[in-house]
């Protein structure tokens, strides 16, 4: 009978250890689930200041940029060719209608 009681005590002690280890395992698992990793990437490079153009260079850049703007405007006008066609045809028929109306 004493052997059975001793075995039950040992089993109870082992169960306590198992429950403690399971609790520890659950705690560690929860900590892993909610963990956050912060990474920081950094790239170092040397700054070399550029020389600013003088008055003549800035004036030349202004003329070049103005020319490019004018060309962009002409290209935009060319893209609107269907609009110009419809306005021309509409104006032609309007003038024709107006002349006919004025003759009467």
C-alpha atoms as a PDB file:
ATOM      1  CA  UNK A   1       0.000   0.000   0.000  1.00  0.00           C
ATOM      2  CA  UNK A   2       2.828   2.386   0.784  1.00  0.00           C
ATOM      3  CA  UNK A   3       4.355   1.635  -2.587  1.00  0.00           C
ATOM      4  CA  UNK A   4       1.127   2.657  -4.316  1.00  0.00           C
ATOM      5  CA  UNK A   5       0.974   5.922  -2.321  1.00  0.00           C
ATOM      6  CA  UNK A   6       4.592   6.644  -3.150  1.00  0.00           C
ATOM      7  CA  UNK A   7       3.975   5.972  -6.836  1.00  0.00           C
ATOM      8  CA  UNK A   8       0.914   8.274  -6.770  1.00  0.00           C
ATOM      9  CA  UNK A   9       2.996  10.995  -5.117  1.00  0.00           C
ATOM     10  CA  UNK A  10       5.660  10.632  -7.790  1.00  0.00           C
ATOM     11  CA  UNK A  11       3.006  10.728 -10.513  1.00  0.00           C
ATOM     12  CA  UNK A  12       1.527  13.880  -8.957  1.00  0.00           C
ATOM     13  CA  UNK A  13       4.992  15.461  -8.841  1.00  0.00           C
ATOM     14  CA  UNK A  14       5.636  14.490 -12.485  1.00  0.00           C
ATOM     15  CA  UNK A  15       2.202  15.889 -13.503  1.00  0.00           C
ATOM     16  CA  UNK A  16       3.079  19.178 -11.779  1.00  0.00           C
ATOM     17  CA  UNK A  17       6.369  19.315 -13.686  1.00  0.00           C
ATOM     18  CA  UNK A  18       4.589  18.556 -16.975  1.00  0.00           C
ATOM     19  CA  UNK A  19       1.984  21.287 -16.323  1.00  0.00           C
ATOM     20  CA  UNK A  20       4.743  23.758 -15.397  1.00  0.00           C
ATOM     21  CA  UNK A  21       6.651  22.953 -18.594  1.00  0.00           C
ATOM     22  CA  UNK A  22       3.449  23.239 -20.672  1.00  0.00           C
ATOM     23  CA  UNK A  23       2.765  26.653 -19.104  1.00  0.00           C
ATOM     24  CA  UNK A  24       6.343  27.715 -19.838  1.00  0.00           C
ATOM     25  CA  UNK A  25       5.983  26.480 -23.419  1.00  0.00           C
ATOM     26  CA  UNK A  26       2.695  28.396 -23.837  1.00  0.00           C
ATOM     27  CA  UNK A  27       4.301  31.567 -22.446  1.00  0.00           C
ATOM     28  CA  UNK A  28       7.251  31.266 -24.837  1.00  0.00           C
ATOM     29  CA  UNK A  29       4.922  30.532 -27.749  1.00  0.00           C
ATOM     30  CA  UNK A  30       2.844  33.642 -26.962  1.00  0.00           C
ATOM     31  CA  UNK A  31       5.999  35.746 -26.724  1.00  0.00           C
ATOM     32  CA  UNK A  32       7.109  34.513 -30.147  1.00  0.00           C
ATOM     33  CA  UNK A  33       3.652  35.207 -31.622  1.00  0.00           C
ATOM     34  CA  UNK A  34       3.678  38.806 -30.421  1.00  0.00           C
ATOM     35  CA  UNK A  35       7.330  39.563 -30.985  1.00  0.00           C
ATOM     36  CA  UNK A  36       8.405  42.423 -33.239  1.00  0.00           C
ATOM     37  CA  UNK A  37      11.616  42.747 -35.178  1.00  0.00           C
ATOM     38  CA  UNK A  38      12.842  46.252 -36.002  1.00  0.00           C
ATOM     39  CA  UNK A  39      15.338  46.504 -38.835  1.00  0.00           C
ATOM     40  CA  UNK A  40      17.145  49.661 -39.823  1.00  0.00           C
ATOM     41  CA  UNK A  41      18.936  49.996 -43.140  1.00  0.00           C
ATOM     42  CA  UNK A  42      21.359  52.813 -43.668  1.00  0.00           C
ATOM     43  CA  UNK A  43      23.431  53.732 -46.667  1.00  0.00           C
ATOM     44  CA  UNK A  44      26.252  56.204 -46.313  1.00  0.00           C
ATOM     45  CA  UNK A  45      27.319  58.298 -49.286  1.00  0.00           C
ATOM     46  CA  UNK A  46      29.459  61.321 -49.823  1.00  0.00           C
ATOM     47  CA  UNK A  47      27.848  64.632 -50.663  1.00  0.00           C
ATOM     48  CA  UNK A  48      29.594  66.586 -53.362  1.00  0.00           C
ATOM     49  CA  UNK A  49      28.105  70.019 -53.932  1.00  0.00           C
ATOM     50  CA  UNK A  50      27.589  71.013 -57.555  1.00  0.00           C
ATOM     51  CA  UNK A  51      28.559  74.334 -58.992  1.00  0.00           C
ATOM     52  CA  UNK A  52      25.635  76.638 -59.709  1.00  0.00           C
ATOM     53  CA  UNK A  53      25.588  78.135 -63.211  1.00  0.00           C
ATOM     54  CA  UNK A  54      26.166  81.842 -63.518  1.00  0.00           C
ATOM     55  CA  UNK A  55      23.944  84.449 -65.151  1.00  0.00           C
ATOM     56  CA  UNK A  56      24.823  83.399 -68.703  1.00  0.00           C
ATOM     57  CA  UNK A  57      24.246  79.725 -67.987  1.00  0.00           C
ATOM     58  CA  UNK A  58      20.902  80.421 -66.349  1.00  0.00           C
ATOM     59  CA  UNK A  59      19.878  82.662 -69.255  1.00  0.00           C
ATOM     60  CA  UNK A  60      20.845  79.918 -71.734  1.00  0.00           C
ATOM     61  CA  UNK A  61      18.834  77.368 -69.720  1.00  0.00           C
ATOM     62  CA  UNK A  62      15.854  79.734 -69.791  1.00  0.00           C
ATOM     63  CA  UNK A  63      15.982  79.969 -73.597  1.00  0.00           C
ATOM     64  CA  UNK A  64      16.347  76.192 -73.962  1.00  0.00           C
ATOM     65  CA  UNK A  65      13.451  75.514 -71.573  1.00  0.00           C
ATOM     66  CA  UNK A  66      11.321  78.132 -73.353  1.00  0.00           C
ATOM     67  CA  UNK A  67      12.010  76.488 -76.714  1.00  0.00           C
ATOM     68  CA  UNK A  68      11.064  73.064 -75.306  1.00  0.00           C
ATOM     69  CA  UNK A  69       7.852  74.553 -73.881  1.00  0.00           C
ATOM     70  CA  UNK A  70       6.960  76.065 -77.270  1.00  0.00           C
ATOM     71  CA  UNK A  71       7.541  72.713 -78.994  1.00  0.00           C
ATOM     72  CA  UNK A  72       5.388  70.971 -76.387  1.00  0.00           C
ATOM     73  CA  UNK A  73       2.622  73.505 -77.078  1.00  0.00           C
ATOM     74  CA  UNK A  74       2.804  72.814 -80.845  1.00  0.00           C
ATOM     75  CA  UNK A  75       2.658  69.081 -80.236  1.00  0.00           C
ATOM     76  CA  UNK A  76      -0.392  69.591 -77.989  1.00  0.00           C
ATOM     77  CA  UNK A  77      -2.105  71.576 -80.735  1.00  0.00           C
ATOM     78  CA  UNK A  78      -1.339  68.785 -83.202  1.00  0.00           C
ATOM     79  CA  UNK A  79      -2.864  66.214 -80.822  1.00  0.00           C
ATOM     80  CA  UNK A  80      -6.129  68.197 -80.918  1.00  0.00           C
ATOM     81  CA  UNK A  81      -6.576  67.784 -84.711  1.00  0.00           C
ATOM     82  CA  UNK A  82     -10.062  66.210 -84.402  1.00  0.00           C
ATOM     83  CA  UNK A  83     -11.225  69.265 -82.477  1.00  0.00           C
ATOM     84  CA  UNK A  84      -9.833  71.615 -85.147  1.00  0.00           C
ATOM     85  CA  UNK A  85     -11.498  69.556 -87.876  1.00  0.00           C
ATOM     86  CA  UNK A  86     -14.896  69.656 -86.152  1.00  0.00           C
ATOM     87  CA  UNK A  87     -14.599  73.401 -85.429  1.00  0.00           C
ATOM     88  CA  UNK A  88     -13.619  74.087 -89.063  1.00  0.00           C
ATOM     89  CA  UNK A  89     -16.492  72.056 -90.495  1.00  0.00           C
ATOM     90  CA  UNK A  90     -18.931  73.588 -88.031  1.00  0.00           C
ATOM     91  CA  UNK A  91     -17.714  77.105 -88.889  1.00  0.00           C
ATOM     92  CA  UNK A  92     -17.970  76.382 -92.624  1.00  0.00           C
ATOM     93  CA  UNK A  93     -21.558  75.170 -92.375  1.00  0.00           C
ATOM     94  CA  UNK A  94     -22.484  78.023 -90.010  1.00  0.00           C
ATOM     95  CA  UNK A  95     -21.136  80.645 -92.438  1.00  0.00           C
ATOM     96  CA  UNK A  96     -22.928  78.920 -95.337  1.00  0.00           C
ATOM     97  CA  UNK A  97     -26.192  78.889 -93.356  1.00  0.00           C
ATOM     98  CA  UNK A  98     -25.717  82.527 -92.296  1.00  0.00           C
ATOM     99  CA  UNK A  99     -25.133  83.668 -95.913  1.00  0.00           C
ATOM    100  CA  UNK A 100     -28.245  81.808 -97.058  1.00  0.00           C
ATOM    101  CA  UNK A 101     -30.304  83.367 -94.281  1.00  0.00           C
ATOM    102  CA  UNK A 102     -29.035  86.890 -95.079  1.00  0.00           C
ATOM    103  CA  UNK A 103     -29.921  86.523 -98.807  1.00  0.00           C
ATOM    104  CA  UNK A 104     -33.603  86.035 -97.988  1.00  0.00           C
END
